[in-house]
PDB file of N, CA and C in Angstrom:
ATOM      1  N   MET A   1      -5.298 -19.855  -8.944  1.00  0.00           N
ATOM      2  CA  MET A   1      -5.022 -18.437  -9.074  1.00  0.00           C
ATOM      3  C   MET A   1      -6.303 -17.667  -8.753  1.00  0.00           C
ATOM      4  N   ILE A   2      -6.176 -16.627  -7.936  1.00  0.00           N
ATOM      5  CA  ILE A   2      -7.316 -15.812  -7.545  1.00  0.00           C
ATOM      6  C   ILE A   2      -7.655 -14.841  -8.680  1.00  0.00           C
ATOM      7  N   PRO A   3      -8.919 -14.874  -9.152  1.00  0.00           N
ATOM      8  CA  PRO A   3      -9.291 -13.837 -10.135  1.00  0.00           C
ATOM      9  C   PRO A   3      -9.382 -12.491  -9.419  1.00  0.00           C
ATOM     10  N   VAL A   4      -8.772 -11.484  -9.988  1.00  0.00           N
ATOM     11  CA  VAL A   4      -8.727 -10.179  -9.339  1.00  0.00           C
ATOM     12  C   VAL A   4      -9.522  -9.169 -10.165  1.00  0.00           C
ATOM     13  N   THR A   5     -10.527  -8.604  -9.535  1.00  0.00           N
ATOM     14  CA  THR A   5     -11.277  -7.511 -10.130  1.00  0.00           C
ATOM     15  C   THR A   5     -10.910  -6.266  -9.353  1.00  0.00           C
ATOM     16  N   ARG A   6     -10.326  -5.319 -10.026  1.00  0.00           N
ATOM     17  CA  ARG A   6      -9.871  -4.103  -9.348  1.00  0.00           C
ATOM     18  C   ARG A   6     -11.059  -3.351  -8.764  1.00  0.00           C
ATOM     19  N   THR A   7     -10.877  -2.919  -7.525  1.00  0.00           N
ATOM     20  CA  THR A   7     -11.876  -2.078  -6.883  1.00  0.00           C
ATOM     21  C   THR A   7     -11.450  -0.624  -7.057  1.00  0.00           C
ATOM     22  N   ASP A   8     -12.284   0.287  -6.613  1.00  0.00           N
ATOM     23  CA  ASP A   8     -11.915   1.699  -6.686  1.00  0.00           C
ATOM     24  C   ASP A   8     -10.690   1.958  -5.819  1.00  0.00           C
ATOM     25  N   CYS A   9      -9.893   2.889  -6.258  1.00  0.00           N
ATOM     26  CA  CYS A   9      -8.713   3.293  -5.498  1.00  0.00           C
ATOM     27  C   CYS A   9      -9.163   3.945  -4.196  1.00  0.00           C
ATOM     28  N   PRO A  10      -8.575   3.553  -3.065  1.00  0.00           N
ATOM     29  CA  PRO A  10      -8.916   4.248  -1.821  1.00  0.00           C
ATOM     30  C   PRO A  10      -8.611   5.742  -1.964  1.00  0.00           C
ATOM     31  N   PRO A  11      -9.463   6.614  -1.433  1.00  0.00           N
ATOM     32  CA  PRO A  11      -9.235   8.056  -1.564  1.00  0.00           C
ATOM     33  C   PRO A  11      -7.849   8.499  -1.107  1.00  0.00           C
ATOM     34  N   SER A  12      -7.294   7.825  -0.132  1.00  0.00           N
ATOM     35  CA  SER A  12      -5.974   8.232   0.366  1.00  0.00           C
ATOM     36  C   SER A  12      -4.863   8.027  -0.658  1.00  0.00           C
ATOM     37  N   LEU A  13      -5.104   7.199  -1.684  1.00  0.00           N
ATOM     38  CA  LEU A  13      -4.089   6.948  -2.712  1.00  0.00           C
ATOM     39  C   LEU A  13      -4.448   7.556  -4.068  1.00  0.00           C
ATOM     40  N   ASP A  14      -5.535   8.284  -4.142  1.00  0.00           N
ATOM     41  CA  ASP A  14      -6.019   8.837  -5.409  1.00  0.00           C
ATOM     42  C   ASP A  14      -4.954   9.726  -6.055  1.00  0.00           C
ATOM     43  N   PRO A  15      -4.428   9.308  -7.211  1.00  0.00           N
ATOM     44  CA  PRO A  15      -3.367  10.090  -7.848  1.00  0.00           C
ATOM     45  C   PRO A  15      -3.852  11.442  -8.371  1.00  0.00           C
ATOM     46  N   ASN A  16      -5.172  11.611  -8.506  1.00  0.00           N
ATOM     47  CA  ASN A  16      -5.726  12.875  -8.994  1.00  0.00           C
ATOM     48  C   ASN A  16      -5.971  13.886  -7.879  1.00  0.00           C
ATOM     49  N   ASP A  17      -5.750  13.476  -6.630  1.00  0.00           N
ATOM     50  CA  ASP A  17      -5.941  14.372  -5.492  1.00  0.00           C
ATOM     51  C   ASP A  17      -4.574  14.698  -4.903  1.00  0.00           C
ATOM     52  N   PRO A  18      -4.040  15.876  -5.205  1.00  0.00           N
ATOM     53  CA  PRO A  18      -2.691  16.211  -4.726  1.00  0.00           C
ATOM     54  C   PRO A  18      -2.580  16.287  -3.202  1.00  0.00           C
ATOM     55  N   ASP A  19      -3.714  16.386  -2.511  1.00  0.00           N
ATOM     56  CA  ASP A  19      -3.682  16.449  -1.051  1.00  0.00           C
ATOM     57  C   ASP A  19      -3.827  15.084  -0.384  1.00  0.00           C
ATOM     58  N   ALA A  20      -4.036  14.027  -1.180  1.00  0.00           N
ATOM     59  CA  ALA A  20      -4.156  12.678  -0.630  1.00  0.00           C
ATOM     60  C   ALA A  20      -2.778  12.204  -0.155  1.00  0.00           C
ATOM     61  N   SER A  21      -2.772  11.305   0.812  1.00  0.00           N
ATOM     62  CA  SER A  21      -1.497  10.883   1.409  1.00  0.00           C
ATOM     63  C   SER A  21      -0.584  10.157   0.411  1.00  0.00           C
ATOM     64  N   GLY A  22      -1.139   9.393  -0.523  1.00  0.00           N
ATOM     65  CA  GLY A  22      -0.308   8.688  -1.504  1.00  0.00           C
ATOM     66  C   GLY A  22       0.486   9.634  -2.390  1.00  0.00           C
ATOM     67  N   PRO A  23      -0.182  10.589  -3.062  1.00  0.00           N
ATOM     68  CA  PRO A  23       0.575  11.541  -3.880  1.00  0.00           C
ATOM     69  C   PRO A  23       1.536  12.410  -3.077  1.00  0.00           C
ATOM     70  N   LYS A  24       1.155  12.785  -1.859  1.00  0.00           N
ATOM     71  CA  LYS A  24       2.069  13.562  -1.013  1.00  0.00           C
ATOM     72  C   LYS A  24       3.329  12.762  -0.707  1.00  0.00           C
ATOM     73  N   GLU A  25       3.131  11.486  -0.360  1.00  0.00           N
ATOM     74  CA  GLU A  25       4.278  10.629  -0.046  1.00  0.00           C
ATOM     75  C   GLU A  25       5.149  10.441  -1.281  1.00  0.00           C
ATOM     76  N   PHE A  26       4.523  10.260  -2.424  1.00  0.00           N
ATOM     77  CA  PHE A  26       5.270  10.089  -3.668  1.00  0.00           C
ATOM     78  C   PHE A  26       6.159  11.301  -3.936  1.00  0.00           C
ATOM     79  N   ARG A  27       5.596  12.493  -3.790  1.00  0.00           N
ATOM     80  CA  ARG A  27       6.391  13.711  -4.020  1.00  0.00           C
ATOM     81  C   ARG A  27       7.545  13.814  -3.032  1.00  0.00           C
ATOM     82  N   LYS A  28       7.271  13.486  -1.776  1.00  0.00           N
ATOM     83  CA  LYS A  28       8.319  13.557  -0.743  1.00  0.00           C
ATOM     84  C   LYS A  28       9.465  12.603  -1.080  1.00  0.00           C
ATOM     85  N   ILE A  29       9.136  11.366  -1.434  1.00  0.00           N
ATOM     86  CA  ILE A  29      10.163  10.367  -1.750  1.00  0.00           C
ATOM     87  C   ILE A  29      10.911  10.758  -3.021  1.00  0.00           C
ATOM     88  N   ARG A  30      10.181  11.240  -4.022  1.00  0.00           N
ATOM     89  CA  ARG A  30      10.826  11.676  -5.264  1.00  0.00           C
ATOM     90  C   ARG A  30      11.830  12.785  -4.981  1.00  0.00           C
ATOM     91  N   ASP A  31      11.442  13.753  -4.131  1.00  0.00           N
ATOM     92  CA  ASP A  31      12.346  14.854  -3.788  1.00  0.00           C
ATOM     93  C   ASP A  31      13.552  14.360  -2.993  1.00  0.00           C
ATOM     94  N   MET A  32      13.328  13.421  -2.091  1.00  0.00           N
ATOM     95  CA  MET A  32      14.445  12.863  -1.325  1.00  0.00           C
ATOM     96  C   MET A  32      15.463  12.206  -2.254  1.00  0.00           C
ATOM     97  N   LEU A  33      14.964  11.418  -3.199  1.00  0.00           N
ATOM     98  CA  LEU A  33      15.859  10.738  -4.141  1.00  0.00           C
ATOM     99  C   LEU A  33      16.596  11.742  -5.020  1.00  0.00           C
ATOM    100  N   ALA A  34      15.874  12.770  -5.463  1.00  0.00           N
ATOM    101  CA  ALA A  34      16.497  13.796  -6.306  1.00  0.00           C
ATOM    102  C   ALA A  34      17.600  14.540  -5.554  1.00  0.00           C
ATOM    103  N   ASN A  35      17.465  14.635  -4.240  1.00  0.00           N
ATOM    104  CA  ASN A  35      18.477  15.314  -3.410  1.00  0.00           C
ATOM    105  C   ASN A  35      19.576  14.373  -2.936  1.00  0.00           C
ATOM    106  N   GLY A  36      19.541  13.123  -3.411  1.00  0.00           N
ATOM    107  CA  GLY A  36      20.576  12.169  -3.046  1.00  0.00           C
ATOM    108  C   GLY A  36      20.418  11.577  -1.660  1.00  0.00           C
ATOM    109  N   GLU A  37      19.248  11.765  -1.048  1.00  0.00           N
ATOM    110  CA  GLU A  37      19.013  11.220   0.289  1.00  0.00           C
ATOM    111  C   GLU A  37      18.698   9.731   0.205  1.00  0.00           C
ATOM    112  N   THR A  38      18.993   9.042   1.282  1.00  0.00           N
ATOM    113  CA  THR A  38      18.675   7.621   1.377  1.00  0.00           C
ATOM    114  C   THR A  38      17.232   7.461   1.832  1.00  0.00           C
ATOM    115  N   VAL A  39      16.497   6.643   1.132  1.00  0.00           N
ATOM    116  CA  VAL A  39      15.097   6.387   1.479  1.00  0.00           C
ATOM    117  C   VAL A  39      15.034   5.104   2.304  1.00  0.00           C
ATOM    118  N   LYS A  40      14.350   5.182   3.440  1.00  0.00           N
ATOM    119  CA  LYS A  40      14.212   4.031   4.335  1.00  0.00           C
ATOM    120  C   LYS A  40      12.758   3.572   4.359  1.00  0.00           C
ATOM    121  N   SER A  41      12.535   2.380   4.809  1.00  0.00           N
ATOM    122  CA  SER A  41      11.172   1.858   4.864  1.00  0.00           C
ATOM    123  C   SER A  41      10.275   2.710   5.760  1.00  0.00           C
ATOM    124  N   ASP A  42      10.866   3.344   6.779  1.00  0.00           N
ATOM    125  CA  ASP A  42      10.081   4.201   7.670  1.00  0.00           C
ATOM    126  C   ASP A  42       9.549   5.448   6.964  1.00  0.00           C
ATOM    127  N   ASP A  43      10.074   5.751   5.777  1.00  0.00           N
ATOM    128  CA  ASP A  43       9.617   6.922   5.031  1.00  0.00           C
ATOM    129  C   ASP A  43       8.297   6.670   4.312  1.00  0.00           C
ATOM    130  N   PHE A  44       7.839   5.423   4.330  1.00  0.00           N
ATOM    131  CA  PHE A  44       6.605   5.063   3.642  1.00  0.00           C
ATOM    132  C   PHE A  44       5.499   4.751   4.645  1.00  0.00           C
ATOM    133  N   SER A  45       4.340   5.336   4.454  1.00  0.00           N
ATOM    134  CA  SER A  45       3.225   5.038   5.354  1.00  0.00           C
ATOM    135  C   SER A  45       1.875   4.997   4.653  1.00  0.00           C
ATOM    136  N   ALA A  46       1.762   5.556   3.465  1.00  0.00           N
ATOM    137  CA  ALA A  46       0.466   5.690   2.794  1.00  0.00           C
ATOM    138  C   ALA A  46      -0.205   4.345   2.518  1.00  0.00           C
ATOM    139  N   TYR A  47       0.581   3.305   2.253  1.00  0.00           N
ATOM    140  CA  TYR A  47      -0.011   2.004   1.919  1.00  0.00           C
ATOM    141  C   TYR A  47      -0.448   1.219   3.149  1.00  0.00           C
ATOM    142  N   GLY A  48      -0.139   1.699   4.325  1.00  0.00           N
ATOM    143  CA  GLY A  48      -0.483   0.974   5.539  1.00  0.00           C
ATOM    144  C   GLY A  48      -1.830   1.339   6.143  1.00  0.00           C
ATOM    145  N   SER A  49      -2.576   2.226   5.501  1.00  0.00           N
ATOM    146  CA  SER A  49      -3.847   2.665   6.079  1.00  0.00           C
ATOM    147  C   SER A  49      -4.898   1.558   6.045  1.00  0.00           C
ATOM    148  N   ARG A  50      -5.863   1.671   6.918  1.00  0.00           N
ATOM    149  CA  ARG A  50      -6.942   0.683   6.988  1.00  0.00           C
ATOM    150  C   ARG A  50      -7.708   0.605   5.658  1.00  0.00           C
ATOM    151  N   ALA A  51      -7.945   1.751   5.015  1.00  0.00           N
ATOM    152  CA  ALA A  51      -8.691   1.769   3.750  1.00  0.00           C
ATOM    153  C   ALA A  51      -7.957   0.982   2.665  1.00  0.00           C
ATOM    154  N   VAL A  52      -6.641   1.113   2.622  1.00  0.00           N
ATOM    155  CA  VAL A  52      -5.856   0.377   1.626  1.00  0.00           C
ATOM    156  C   VAL A  52      -5.902  -1.117   1.927  1.00  0.00           C
ATOM    157  N   ARG A  53      -5.744  -1.473   3.188  1.00  0.00           N
ATOM    158  CA  ARG A  53      -5.801  -2.887   3.573  1.00  0.00           C
ATOM    159  C   ARG A  53      -7.158  -3.502   3.230  1.00  0.00           C
ATOM    160  N   GLU A  54      -8.220  -2.749   3.485  1.00  0.00           N
ATOM    161  CA  GLU A  54      -9.568  -3.262   3.191  1.00  0.00           C
ATOM    162  C   GLU A  54      -9.776  -3.408   1.685  1.00  0.00           C
ATOM    163  N   ALA A  55      -9.279  -2.459   0.895  1.00  0.00           N
ATOM    164  CA  ALA A  55      -9.401  -2.562  -0.562  1.00  0.00           C
ATOM    165  C   ALA A  55      -8.658  -3.796  -1.073  1.00  0.00           C
ATOM    166  N   LEU A  56      -7.465  -4.043  -0.540  1.00  0.00           N
ATOM    167  CA  LEU A  56      -6.704  -5.231  -0.947  1.00  0.00           C
ATOM    168  C   LEU A  56      -7.389  -6.517  -0.497  1.00  0.00           C
ATOM    169  N   ARG A  57      -7.938  -6.492   0.717  1.00  0.00           N
ATOM    170  CA  ARG A  57      -8.654  -7.671   1.219  1.00  0.00           C
ATOM    171  C   ARG A  57      -9.852  -7.995   0.318  1.00  0.00           C
ATOM    172  N   GLU A  58     -10.566  -6.952  -0.103  1.00  0.00           N
ATOM    173  CA  GLU A  58     -11.722  -7.151  -0.985  1.00  0.00           C
ATOM    174  C   GLU A  58     -11.281  -7.680  -2.351  1.00  0.00           C
ATOM    175  N   MET A  59     -10.253  -7.075  -2.931  1.00  0.00           N
ATOM    176  CA  MET A  59      -9.789  -7.500  -4.257  1.00  0.00           C
ATOM    177  C   MET A  59      -9.323  -8.945  -4.271  1.00  0.00           C
ATOM    178  N   PHE A  60      -8.690  -9.379  -3.180  1.00  0.00           N
ATOM    179  CA  PHE A  60      -8.116 -10.719  -3.146  1.00  0.00           C
ATOM    180  C   PHE A  60      -8.960 -11.701  -2.339  1.00  0.00           C
ATOM    181  N   HIS A  61     -10.240 -11.344  -2.137  1.00  0.00           N
ATOM    182  CA  HIS A  61     -11.211 -12.251  -1.519  1.00  0.00           C
ATOM    183  C   HIS A  61     -10.778 -12.748  -0.139  1.00  0.00           C
ATOM    184  N   GLY A  62     -10.141 -11.868   0.630  1.00  0.00           N
ATOM    185  CA  GLY A  62      -9.733 -12.229   1.980  1.00  0.00           C
ATOM    186  C   GLY A  62      -8.578 -13.203   2.041  1.00  0.00           C
ATOM    187  N   LYS A  63      -7.846 -13.317   0.942  1.00  0.00           N
ATOM    188  CA  LYS A  63      -6.709 -14.239   0.889  1.00  0.00           C
ATOM    189  C   LYS A  63      -5.424 -13.472   0.615  1.00  0.00           C
ATOM    190  N   CYS A  64      -4.320 -14.088   0.994  1.00  0.00           N
ATOM    191  CA  CYS A  64      -3.003 -13.546   0.678  1.00  0.00           C
ATOM    192  C   CYS A  64      -2.836 -13.577  -0.841  1.00  0.00           C
ATOM    193  N   ALA A  65      -2.383 -12.468  -1.416  1.00  0.00           N
ATOM    194  CA  ALA A  65      -2.208 -12.388  -2.866  1.00  0.00           C
ATOM    195  C   ALA A  65      -1.096 -13.303  -3.370  1.00  0.00           C
ATOM    196  N   TYR A  66      -0.235 -13.767  -2.472  1.00  0.00           N
ATOM    197  CA  TYR A  66       0.907 -14.573  -2.886  1.00  0.00           C
ATOM    198  C   TYR A  66       0.685 -16.060  -2.672  1.00  0.00           C
ATOM    199  N   CYS A  67       0.251 -16.444  -1.476  1.00  0.00           N
ATOM    200  CA  CYS A  67       0.112 -17.878  -1.197  1.00  0.00           C
ATOM    201  C   CYS A  67      -1.352 -18.334  -1.189  1.00  0.00           C
ATOM    202  N   GLU A  68      -2.282 -17.395  -1.270  1.00  0.00           N
ATOM    203  CA  GLU A  68      -3.713 -17.651  -1.318  1.00  0.00           C
ATOM    204  C   GLU A  68      -4.284 -18.283  -0.056  1.00  0.00           C
ATOM    205  N   SER A  69      -3.585 -18.192   1.057  1.00  0.00           N
ATOM    206  CA  SER A  69      -4.162 -18.683   2.306  1.00  0.00           C
ATOM    207  C   SER A  69      -5.101 -17.618   2.852  1.00  0.00           C
ATOM    208  N   LYS A  70      -6.125 -18.067   3.574  1.00  0.00           N
ATOM    209  CA  LYS A  70      -7.103 -17.148   4.152  1.00  0.00           C
ATOM    210  C   LYS A  70      -6.432 -16.251   5.187  1.00  0.00           C
ATOM    211  N   ILE A  71      -6.793 -14.981   5.183  1.00  0.00           N
ATOM    212  CA  ILE A  71      -6.304 -14.040   6.183  1.00  0.00           C
ATOM    213  C   ILE A  71      -7.347 -13.997   7.283  1.00  0.00           C
ATOM    214  N   ALA A  72      -6.929 -14.315   8.496  1.00  0.00           N
ATOM    215  CA  ALA A  72      -7.849 -14.342   9.635  1.00  0.00           C
ATOM    216  C   ALA A  72      -8.336 -12.935   9.946  1.00  0.00           C
ATOM    217  N   GLY A  73      -9.580 -12.811  10.382  1.00  0.00           N
ATOM    218  CA  GLY A  73     -10.152 -11.518  10.698  1.00  0.00           C
ATOM    219  C   GLY A  73      -9.415 -10.785  11.801  1.00  0.00           C
ATOM    220  N   SER A  74      -8.810 -11.532  12.708  1.00  0.00           N
ATOM    221  CA  SER A  74      -8.100 -10.894  13.815  1.00  0.00           C
ATOM    222  C   SER A  74      -6.615 -10.712  13.529  1.00  0.00           C
ATOM    223  N   GLN A  75      -6.149 -11.236  12.426  1.00  0.00           N
ATOM    224  CA  GLN A  75      -4.731 -11.184  12.078  1.00  0.00           C
ATOM    225  C   GLN A  75      -4.414  -9.855  11.389  1.00  0.00           C
ATOM    226  N   ASP A  76      -3.389  -9.168  11.840  1.00  0.00           N
ATOM    227  CA  ASP A  76      -2.968  -7.949  11.171  1.00  0.00           C
ATOM    228  C   ASP A  76      -2.250  -8.344   9.896  1.00  0.00           C
ATOM    229  N   THR A  77      -2.490  -7.610   8.836  1.00  0.00           N
ATOM    230  CA  THR A  77      -1.872  -7.942   7.557  1.00  0.00           C
ATOM    231  C   THR A  77      -0.784  -6.940   7.234  1.00  0.00           C
ATOM    232  N   ASP A  78       0.188  -7.392   6.472  1.00  0.00           N
ATOM    233  CA  ASP A  78       1.251  -6.519   6.009  1.00  0.00           C
ATOM    234  C   ASP A  78       1.022  -6.235   4.535  1.00  0.00           C
ATOM    235  N   VAL A  79       1.254  -5.007   4.144  1.00  0.00           N
ATOM    236  CA  VAL A  79       1.212  -4.649   2.730  1.00  0.00           C
ATOM    237  C   VAL A  79       2.664  -4.606   2.296  1.00  0.00           C
ATOM    238  N   GLU A  80       3.086  -5.659   1.639  1.00  0.00           N
ATOM    239  CA  GLU A  80       4.493  -5.782   1.279  1.00  0.00           C
ATOM    240  C   GLU A  80       4.674  -5.780  -0.228  1.00  0.00           C
ATOM    241  N   HIS A  81       5.894  -5.669  -0.628  1.00  0.00           N
ATOM    242  CA  HIS A  81       6.316  -5.691  -2.009  1.00  0.00           C
ATOM    243  C   HIS A  81       5.880  -4.452  -2.788  1.00  0.00           C
ATOM    244  N   TYR A  82       5.268  -3.511  -2.104  1.00  0.00           N
ATOM    245  CA  TYR A  82       4.986  -2.207  -2.694  1.00  0.00           C
ATOM    246  C   TYR A  82       6.094  -1.245  -2.306  1.00  0.00           C
ATOM    247  N   ARG A  83       6.615  -1.424  -1.139  1.00  0.00           N
ATOM    248  CA  ARG A  83       7.631  -0.553  -0.595  1.00  0.00           C
ATOM    249  C   ARG A  83       8.682  -1.423   0.106  1.00  0.00           C
ATOM    250  N   PRO A  84       9.901  -0.910   0.299  1.00  0.00           N
ATOM    251  CA  PRO A  84      10.943  -1.700   0.966  1.00  0.00           C
ATOM    252  C   PRO A  84      10.537  -2.125   2.363  1.00  0.00           C
ATOM    253  N   ARG A  85      10.979  -3.301   2.747  1.00  0.00           N
ATOM    254  CA  ARG A  85      10.733  -3.796   4.100  1.00  0.00           C
ATOM    255  C   ARG A  85      11.737  -3.177   5.062  1.00  0.00           C
ATOM    256  N   ARG A  86      11.384  -3.172   6.329  1.00  0.00           N
ATOM    257  CA  ARG A  86      12.320  -2.690   7.337  1.00  0.00           C
ATOM    258  C   ARG A  86      13.499  -3.641   7.424  1.00  0.00           C
ATOM    259  N   ALA A  87      14.649  -3.106   7.631  1.00  0.00           N
ATOM    260  CA  ALA A  87      15.856  -3.945   7.710  1.00  0.00           C
ATOM    261  C   ALA A  87      15.975  -4.535   9.092  1.00  0.00           C
TER     262      ALA A  87
END
């Protein structure tokens, strides 16, 4: 099991900054749900930023949080299980 030490929240996800992309996306999705709209995976983008990926890579020591295999430097990573996957 990988020991996880939380790093600072990337500025784009800072819940205390109403202009950050994470809180903006949260409000948009919350409003969509309140209006009875269907939320699709394409409606989510805040977790896909480079800063978020780098923070996760640092926290998990360059390994997949699920299977613990090394993530190659040239391999693009997916941030999954935070938001619905594309169908």
